[in-house]
């Protein structure tokens, strides 16, 4: 029935606006309580989405068109509907006098982890600048998982309005969205609600390392140079046009969390640069190259298993620095799973003269000068200062309790595949 009415109104499009406004007034007259705010939100959003779905974006209907976005709760008796109503230009509109052409912007931020917090902190700092003329952020609200993720904690502590993902209401009161390490795919129906779309901070030189774990794969593969890319997102992961991109050298033997924090900190500065001149940045955005594409899928526990016969000292070191702070390296020893922590620089242990006759991949020896358990791999020895068995043990404690015993000293550390076979 709604679709038939909309079709009949195509020749007189302002009828739709009048209908929406009258229905809103009718709902208010029913004296809904504050607890019905969510129902009112769904009511209004339904009509907006229905109208957008039934009328082509190229239709002349959208010229200078505004969407009614009145209050979500009922008005006090005697107040004027017109006074409390606000209007926000729909993103599909070809032109509107209400659309902002420059900062400060009303921003909806999408994030989750500690990397997201790096960016959110800088947006919050900009919002609280004493000189309003220097601000690029006027309004800042946050979208995150309902779980107790770092972004939710930060938003609570700094009194930022929070929205649970998936979003249930309208986004049309914001100018632009910002994504930083969010972890969820944002659908097209949400992207198009923002007049300037949604910007994403990606910690790699796209199209290299598209996916959920670019920082971890950068270290795992031994890249010497990485970077940060600001893109205008599409409904697919990390394929949108590039607004800004900068290269960053990878510090020697850095860990993934250290590198990620550095990249997102730089990305936040780049984001603020983009927001200062957003319309021009969007106009000059360039499509990503079709060559040089590599993928960075989400980490899994399987990646933390060490393959002693196949991996070199450098590869095991990179594996530890990439996944070790989230997923400690794993192996089996004496038919038990152990976790290996606090790896030593392989430049120190690789060429050690360990007094083990005919060492095999997985052979272990306690090396007193470095206070580490050294384990043989493909091309040398790798040392670990801590081992988690039933509890976390120092290398010396592991030696005293296990390796020093005659019936255990020749036991090999084995990979998961060895255990399975």
Protein backbone atom coordinates (compact mmCIF):
# COMPACT_ATOMS: atom_id res chain seq x y z
CA UNK A 1 0.00 0.00 0.00
CA UNK A 2 2.83 2.40 0.87
CA UNK A 3 4.53 1.72 -2.47
CA UNK A 4 1.30 2.42 -4.39
CA UNK A 5 0.85 5.73 -2.60
CA UNK A 6 4.45 6.76 -3.25
CA UNK A 7 4.11 5.89 -6.94
CA UNK A 8 0.97 8.00 -7.18
CA UNK A 9 2.83 10.91 -5.60
CA UNK A 10 5.75 10.93 -8.03
CA UNK A 11 4.17 13.74 -10.06
CA UNK A 12 3.64 15.81 -6.89
CA UNK A 13 6.59 14.84 -4.68
CA UNK A 14 5.97 17.36 -1.92
CA UNK A 15 2.96 15.23 -0.92
CA UNK A 16 5.42 12.73 0.51
CA UNK A 17 6.94 15.36 2.76
CA UNK A 18 3.50 16.46 3.94
CA UNK A 19 2.49 12.84 4.57
CA UNK A 20 5.61 12.15 6.63
CA UNK A 21 5.14 15.33 8.63
CA UNK A 22 1.43 14.64 9.31
CA UNK A 23 2.14 11.10 10.40
CA UNK A 24 4.80 12.39 12.77
CA UNK A 25 2.37 14.89 14.26
CA UNK A 26 -0.26 12.17 14.62
CA UNK A 27 2.19 9.98 16.49
CA UNK A 28 3.02 12.81 18.87
CA UNK A 29 -0.68 13.41 19.57
CA UNK A 30 -0.91 9.82 20.77
CA UNK A 31 1.23 11.01 23.69
CA UNK A 32 3.94 8.35 23.54
CA UNK A 33 6.08 8.14 26.67
CA UNK A 34 9.85 8.39 26.69
CA UNK A 35 10.08 4.61 26.70
CA UNK A 36 8.65 4.61 23.18
CA UNK A 37 11.54 6.61 21.74
CA UNK A 38 12.94 3.56 19.98
CA UNK A 39 9.57 2.85 18.33
CA UNK A 40 9.38 6.45 17.13
CA UNK A 41 12.90 6.18 15.75
CA UNK A 42 12.02 3.01 13.83
CA UNK A 43 8.81 4.68 12.59
CA UNK A 44 10.66 7.66 11.15
CA UNK A 45 13.54 5.57 9.77
CA UNK A 46 11.10 3.21 8.04
CA UNK A 47 9.52 6.06 6.09
CA UNK A 48 12.83 7.57 5.12
CA UNK A 49 14.23 4.26 3.88
CA UNK A 50 10.99 3.40 2.06
CA UNK A 51 11.05 6.73 0.28
CA UNK A 52 14.73 6.31 -0.65
CA UNK A 53 14.12 2.76 -1.94
CA UNK A 54 11.12 3.71 -4.12
CA UNK A 55 12.46 6.89 -5.73
CA UNK A 56 15.53 6.88 -7.97
CA UNK A 57 18.44 9.00 -6.70
CA UNK A 58 18.42 10.73 -10.10
CA UNK A 59 14.82 11.85 -9.72
CA UNK A 60 14.14 15.59 -9.56
CA UNK A 61 12.29 14.82 -6.33
CA UNK A 62 15.57 14.97 -4.38
CA UNK A 63 16.47 18.51 -5.48
CA UNK A 64 16.66 20.70 -2.36
CA UNK A 65 14.96 17.94 -0.44
CA UNK A 66 15.20 17.68 3.36
CA UNK A 67 14.24 14.88 5.71
CA UNK A 68 12.32 15.57 8.89
CA UNK A 69 14.32 14.52 11.93
CA UNK A 70 12.27 15.73 14.85
CA UNK A 71 12.82 14.74 18.49
CA UNK A 72 12.72 11.05 19.40
CA UNK A 73 10.67 11.64 22.53
CA UNK A 74 7.29 13.28 22.94
CA UNK A 75 7.14 17.05 23.30
CA UNK A 76 5.93 18.83 26.38
CA UNK A 77 2.36 20.02 26.21
CA UNK A 78 1.91 23.33 24.43
CA UNK A 79 5.30 23.30 22.69
CA UNK A 80 5.44 24.02 19.00
CA UNK A 81 6.24 21.21 16.59
CA UNK A 82 8.02 23.59 14.26
CA UNK A 83 10.27 24.91 17.02
CA UNK A 84 11.57 21.49 18.01
CA UNK A 85 11.92 20.09 14.51
CA UNK A 86 15.30 19.88 12.84
CA UNK A 87 16.13 19.07 9.23
CA UNK A 88 19.08 17.18 7.81
CA UNK A 89 19.85 16.91 4.12
CA UNK A 90 19.71 13.41 2.74
CA UNK A 91 22.94 12.13 1.31
CA UNK A 92 21.23 11.29 -1.96
CA UNK A 93 20.34 14.91 -2.61
CA UNK A 94 22.16 16.51 -5.51
CA UNK A 95 22.28 19.91 -3.84
CA UNK A 96 21.12 21.52 -0.62
CA UNK A 97 21.67 24.75 1.21
CA UNK A 98 21.63 22.84 4.53
CA UNK A 99 24.62 20.58 3.76
CA UNK A 100 27.82 21.74 5.42
CA UNK A 101 30.65 22.66 3.09
CA UNK A 102 33.43 22.76 5.68
CA UNK A 103 34.42 22.07 9.29
CA UNK A 104 33.58 21.74 12.09
CA UNK A 105 31.94 18.38 11.34
CA UNK A 106 29.46 16.21 13.18
CA UNK A 107 31.24 12.84 13.35
CA UNK A 108 30.08 9.31 14.16
CA UNK A 109 33.10 7.18 15.10
CA UNK A 110 33.23 3.38 14.59
CA UNK A 111 35.89 1.51 16.60
CA UNK A 112 36.67 -1.33 18.98
CA UNK A 113 40.22 -1.97 20.21
CA UNK A 114 43.18 -0.08 21.66
CA UNK A 115 44.17 1.10 18.16
CA UNK A 116 40.76 2.73 17.77
CA UNK A 117 41.29 4.58 21.05
CA UNK A 118 44.45 6.21 19.62
CA UNK A 119 42.28 7.90 16.98
CA UNK A 120 39.31 8.64 19.23
CA UNK A 121 41.59 10.44 21.70
CA UNK A 122 42.76 12.88 19.02
CA UNK A 123 39.24 13.53 17.75
CA UNK A 124 38.12 14.22 21.32
CA UNK A 125 41.10 16.54 21.87
CA UNK A 126 40.19 18.49 18.73
CA UNK A 127 36.55 18.77 19.84
CA UNK A 128 37.64 20.39 23.11
CA UNK A 129 39.95 23.02 21.56
CA UNK A 130 39.52 26.38 23.23
CA UNK A 131 39.44 28.24 19.90
CA UNK A 132 36.34 27.13 18.05
CA UNK A 133 37.70 28.47 14.75
CA UNK A 134 40.46 25.83 14.84
CA UNK A 135 38.17 22.85 15.43
CA UNK A 136 37.33 20.24 12.82
CA UNK A 137 35.11 18.27 15.21
CA UNK A 138 31.90 19.83 16.51
CA UNK A 139 30.02 16.74 17.61
CA UNK A 140 31.44 13.29 18.38
CA UNK A 141 29.55 10.06 19.09
CA UNK A 142 30.76 6.46 19.13
CA UNK A 143 29.59 3.13 17.69
CA UNK A 144 31.10 -0.11 19.04
CA UNK A 145 30.32 -3.69 19.97
CA UNK A 146 28.04 -4.21 22.98
CA UNK A 147 30.97 -6.05 24.60
CA UNK A 148 33.32 -4.26 26.98
CA UNK A 149 35.88 -3.27 24.35
CA UNK A 150 38.53 -0.55 24.92
CA UNK A 151 36.60 2.04 22.87
CA UNK A 152 33.51 1.59 25.03
CA UNK A 153 35.59 2.07 28.18
CA UNK A 154 37.15 5.26 26.81
CA UNK A 155 33.79 6.65 25.65
CA UNK A 156 32.25 5.98 29.08
CA UNK A 157 35.13 7.66 30.89
CA UNK A 158 34.95 10.75 28.67
CA UNK A 159 31.15 10.94 28.54
CA UNK A 160 30.85 10.39 24.78
CA UNK A 161 27.41 9.22 23.55
CA UNK A 162 27.49 5.49 22.72
CA UNK A 163 25.59 3.39 20.17
CA UNK A 164 25.68 -0.42 20.02
CA UNK A 165 26.51 -2.23 16.80
CA UNK A 166 24.53 -3.07 14.73
CA UNK A 167 22.95 0.38 14.56
CA UNK A 168 19.20 0.48 15.09
CA UNK A 169 18.51 4.15 14.37
CA UNK A 170 19.29 6.99 12.02
CA UNK A 171 22.71 8.44 11.18
CA UNK A 172 21.41 11.43 9.22
CA UNK A 173 22.30 13.95 11.92
CA UNK A 174 26.01 13.42 11.18
CA UNK A 175 28.12 14.81 8.34
CA UNK A 176 30.75 12.08 8.08
CA UNK A 177 31.66 8.75 9.64
CA UNK A 178 35.13 7.66 10.74
CA UNK A 179 36.28 4.02 11.04
CA UNK A 180 39.42 2.87 12.85
CA UNK A 181 40.03 -0.84 13.52
CA UNK A 182 36.30 -1.52 13.80
CA UNK A 183 36.20 -5.16 12.71
CA UNK A 184 32.70 -5.14 11.15
CA UNK A 185 31.61 -4.60 7.55
CA UNK A 186 29.43 -1.48 7.30
CA UNK A 187 26.58 -1.98 4.80
CA UNK A 188 25.78 0.39 1.97
CA UNK A 189 22.49 1.49 3.52
CA UNK A 190 24.42 3.00 6.45
CA UNK A 191 27.28 4.47 4.38
CA UNK A 192 24.85 6.41 2.18
CA UNK A 193 23.22 8.11 5.18
CA UNK A 194 26.33 10.28 5.66
CA UNK A 195 26.50 13.28 3.30
CA UNK A 196 30.30 12.88 3.03
CA UNK A 197 30.36 9.10 3.43
CA UNK A 198 32.68 7.28 5.85
CA UNK A 199 36.47 7.56 6.11
CA UNK A 200 38.66 4.65 7.18
CA UNK A 201 42.18 4.69 8.66
CA UNK A 202 44.00 1.61 7.37
CA UNK A 203 47.52 0.81 8.72
CA UNK A 204 49.17 -0.27 5.47
CA UNK A 205 50.04 1.03 2.03
CA UNK A 206 46.88 -0.13 0.28
CA UNK A 207 46.28 -2.21 -1.76
CA UNK A 208 48.93 -4.08 0.23
CA UNK A 209 47.57 -5.98 3.25
CA UNK A 210 43.85 -5.58 2.81
CA UNK A 211 41.96 -7.21 5.64
CA UNK A 212 41.58 -7.46 9.39
CA UNK A 213 45.24 -7.83 10.48
CA UNK A 214 47.54 -5.67 8.33
CA UNK A 215 49.94 -4.77 11.17
CA UNK A 216 50.48 -8.41 12.17
CA UNK A 217 51.15 -9.49 8.57
CA UNK A 218 53.55 -6.57 8.04
CA UNK A 219 55.79 -7.92 10.82
CA UNK A 220 55.19 -11.59 10.00
CA UNK A 221 56.45 -11.09 6.43
CA UNK A 222 59.40 -8.93 7.50
CA UNK A 223 58.37 -5.75 5.62
CA UNK A 224 60.84 -2.92 6.10
CA UNK A 225 58.39 -0.19 5.04
CA UNK A 226 54.70 0.12 5.80
CA UNK A 227 52.36 3.11 5.97
CA UNK A 228 48.92 4.56 6.61
CA UNK A 229 46.11 5.06 4.12
CA UNK A 230 42.93 7.14 4.51
CA UNK A 231 40.20 5.75 2.24
CA UNK A 232 36.57 6.54 1.46
CA UNK A 233 34.91 3.24 2.30
CA UNK A 234 32.67 1.07 0.17
CA UNK A 235 30.60 -1.97 1.27
CA UNK A 236 33.69 -4.16 0.70
CA UNK A 237 36.71 -4.31 3.00
CA UNK A 238 39.54 -1.87 2.19
CA UNK A 239 38.86 -1.28 -1.51
CA UNK A 240 37.65 2.34 -1.51
CA UNK A 241 39.38 5.31 -3.18
CA UNK A 242 42.44 6.79 -1.46
CA UNK A 243 42.29 10.30 0.02
CA UNK A 244 45.76 10.32 1.57
CA UNK A 245 48.66 7.88 1.99
CA UNK A 246 52.05 8.10 3.72
CA UNK A 247 54.94 5.65 4.08
CA UNK A 248 56.44 4.74 7.46
CA UNK A 249 59.65 2.72 8.08
CA UNK A 250 59.18 -0.32 10.30
CA UNK A 251 61.36 -0.03 13.45
CA UNK A 252 63.83 -2.87 13.97
CA UNK A 253 62.41 -5.82 15.94
CA UNK A 254 59.25 -3.93 16.92
CA UNK A 255 56.16 -5.80 18.10
CA UNK A 256 52.76 -5.63 16.41
CA UNK A 257 51.07 -3.64 19.17
CA UNK A 258 53.95 -1.13 19.23
CA UNK A 259 53.80 -0.71 15.42
CA UNK A 260 50.00 -0.53 15.38
CA UNK A 261 49.94 2.19 18.01
CA UNK A 262 52.50 4.20 16.03
CA UNK A 263 50.58 3.83 12.75
CA UNK A 264 47.16 4.71 14.16
CA UNK A 265 48.65 7.70 15.97
CA UNK A 266 50.01 8.95 12.66
CA UNK A 267 46.74 8.01 10.95
CA UNK A 268 44.80 10.19 13.39
CA UNK A 269 46.93 13.20 12.40
CA UNK A 270 46.35 12.40 8.72
CA UNK A 271 42.61 12.10 9.36
CA UNK A 272 42.47 15.56 10.92
CA UNK A 273 44.31 16.92 7.86
CA UNK A 274 41.70 15.34 5.60
CA UNK A 275 38.80 16.68 7.67
CA UNK A 276 40.16 20.24 7.44
CA UNK A 277 39.71 20.14 3.67
CA UNK A 278 37.32 17.23 3.22
CA UNK A 279 35.38 18.30 0.08
CA UNK A 280 38.61 18.86 -1.88
CA UNK A 281 40.14 15.60 -0.58
CA UNK A 282 37.08 13.67 -1.73
CA UNK A 283 37.15 15.39 -5.12
CA UNK A 284 40.81 14.44 -5.63
CA UNK A 285 40.55 10.86 -4.30
CA UNK A 286 42.19 8.20 -6.51
CA UNK A 287 41.19 4.59 -7.04
CA UNK A 288 43.46 1.90 -5.61
CA UNK A 289 45.84 0.15 -8.03
CA UNK A 290 44.73 -3.24 -9.29
CA UNK A 291 48.27 -4.64 -8.92
CA UNK A 292 50.18 -5.37 -5.73
CA UNK A 293 47.12 -6.58 -3.82
CA UNK A 294 47.87 -8.76 -0.76
CA UNK A 295 45.48 -10.00 1.90
CA UNK A 296 45.79 -9.88 5.69
CA UNK A 297 43.17 -12.27 7.12
CA UNK A 298 42.25 -12.32 10.78
CA UNK A 299 44.64 -14.10 13.13
CA UNK A 300 43.87 -17.64 14.24
CA UNK A 301 45.28 -19.84 17.01
CA UNK A 302 46.71 -22.19 14.36
CA UNK A 303 49.16 -19.45 13.32
CA UNK A 304 50.79 -19.50 16.76
CA UNK A 305 52.08 -23.08 16.44
CA UNK A 306 55.83 -23.28 15.76
CA UNK A 307 57.07 -25.62 13.02
CA UNK A 308 60.60 -26.34 14.20
CA UNK A 309 61.77 -28.25 11.14
CA UNK A 310 60.36 -25.73 8.65
CA UNK A 311 60.87 -22.30 10.19
CA UNK A 312 64.14 -20.38 10.54
CA UNK A 313 65.26 -18.38 13.57
CA UNK A 314 64.19 -15.12 11.90
CA UNK A 315 60.78 -16.51 10.92
CA UNK A 316 60.10 -17.70 14.49
CA UNK A 317 61.23 -14.32 15.85
CA UNK A 318 58.87 -12.49 13.46
CA UNK A 319 56.05 -14.87 14.37
CA UNK A 320 56.58 -14.10 18.05
CA UNK A 321 56.68 -10.33 17.50
CA UNK A 322 53.58 -10.38 15.30
CA UNK A 323 51.19 -12.65 17.21
CA UNK A 324 52.99 -13.33 20.52
CA UNK A 325 51.38 -10.54 22.57
CA UNK A 326 47.90 -11.80 21.71
CA UNK A 327 48.59 -15.48 21.00
CA UNK A 328 51.76 -16.84 22.68
CA UNK A 329 53.77 -19.24 20.52
CA UNK A 330 52.73 -22.86 21.05
CA UNK A 331 54.42 -26.22 20.85
CA UNK A 332 54.04 -29.66 22.39
CA UNK A 333 56.52 -31.15 24.81
CA UNK A 334 56.16 -34.52 26.55
CA UNK A 335 52.64 -34.76 25.04
CA UNK A 336 51.57 -31.48 26.64
CA UNK A 337 50.88 -28.11 25.04
CA UNK A 338 53.28 -25.41 26.19
CA UNK A 339 53.43 -21.68 25.45
CA UNK A 340 56.76 -20.04 24.69
CA UNK A 341 57.29 -16.41 25.73
CA UNK A 342 59.94 -13.70 25.99
CA UNK A 343 61.93 -14.63 22.91
CA UNK A 344 65.58 -13.52 22.72
CA UNK A 345 66.99 -11.68 19.69
CA UNK A 346 67.97 -14.54 17.33
CA UNK A 347 71.21 -12.70 16.54
CA UNK A 348 72.30 -13.72 20.05
CA UNK A 349 71.19 -17.36 20.07
CA UNK A 350 71.27 -18.53 16.44
CA UNK A 351 74.93 -19.51 16.29
CA UNK A 352 75.43 -20.61 19.91
CA UNK A 353 77.63 -23.66 20.44
CA UNK A 354 75.11 -25.73 22.36
CA UNK A 355 76.54 -28.99 23.77
CA UNK A 356 73.88 -31.28 22.32
CA UNK A 357 75.02 -34.31 20.35
CA UNK A 358 73.29 -34.61 16.97
CA UNK A 359 70.61 -31.91 17.64
CA UNK A 360 67.27 -32.39 15.88
CA UNK A 361 64.55 -29.79 15.25
CA UNK A 362 62.87 -29.43 18.64
CA UNK A 363 65.91 -30.41 20.74
CA UNK A 364 66.10 -28.27 23.90
CA UNK A 365 68.92 -27.12 26.17
CA UNK A 366 69.08 -24.69 29.08
CA UNK A 367 71.64 -21.98 28.28
CA UNK A 368 72.80 -20.49 31.55
CA UNK A 369 74.59 -17.33 30.19
CA UNK A 370 71.37 -16.06 28.53
CA UNK A 371 69.05 -17.67 31.12
CA UNK A 372 66.96 -19.17 28.33
CA UNK A 373 65.69 -22.48 27.05
CA UNK A 374 67.21 -22.78 23.58
CA UNK A 375 65.27 -24.88 21.05
CA UNK A 376 66.68 -26.10 17.75
CA UNK A 377 64.88 -24.98 14.58
CA UNK A 378 65.61 -25.15 10.85
CA UNK A 379 68.84 -23.12 10.85
CA UNK A 380 69.92 -22.65 14.47
CA UNK A 381 68.79 -22.09 18.06
CA UNK A 382 65.95 -19.91 19.36
CA UNK A 383 65.91 -18.86 23.02
CA UNK A 384 62.91 -18.26 25.31
CA UNK A 385 63.14 -16.86 28.84
CA UNK A 386 59.64 -17.99 29.95
CA UNK A 387 57.55 -21.11 29.37
CA UNK A 388 53.93 -21.63 30.35
CA UNK A 389 53.16 -25.20 31.33
CA UNK A 390 50.75 -25.48 34.25
CA UNK A 391 51.89 -21.99 35.22
CA UNK A 392 54.40 -19.49 33.90
CA UNK A 393 57.97 -20.62 34.63
CA UNK A 394 61.29 -18.92 34.07
CA UNK A 395 63.74 -20.81 31.90
CA UNK A 396 65.74 -21.72 35.02
CA UNK A 397 62.63 -23.05 36.78
CA UNK A 398 61.69 -25.10 33.72
CA UNK A 399 65.18 -26.59 33.67
CA UNK A 400 65.17 -27.45 37.39
CA UNK A 401 61.67 -28.95 37.29
CA UNK A 402 61.80 -30.78 33.96
CA UNK A 403 64.81 -30.58 31.61
CA UNK A 404 67.32 -31.62 34.28
CA UNK A 405 65.59 -34.98 34.81
CA UNK A 406 67.14 -37.90 32.95
CA UNK A 407 63.87 -39.27 31.55
CA UNK A 408 62.83 -35.83 30.18
CA UNK A 409 66.03 -34.16 28.98
CA UNK A 410 65.89 -35.80 25.53
CA UNK A 411 62.22 -34.99 24.91
CA UNK A 412 61.66 -32.88 21.76
CA UNK A 413 59.51 -29.81 21.32
CA UNK A 414 57.15 -30.70 18.49
CA UNK A 415 54.81 -28.84 16.18
CA UNK A 416 51.06 -29.30 16.16
CA UNK A 417 51.29 -31.36 12.96
CA UNK A 418 53.82 -33.68 14.62
CA UNK A 419 51.46 -34.17 17.53
CA UNK A 420 48.57 -34.91 15.21
CA UNK A 421 50.50 -37.44 13.19
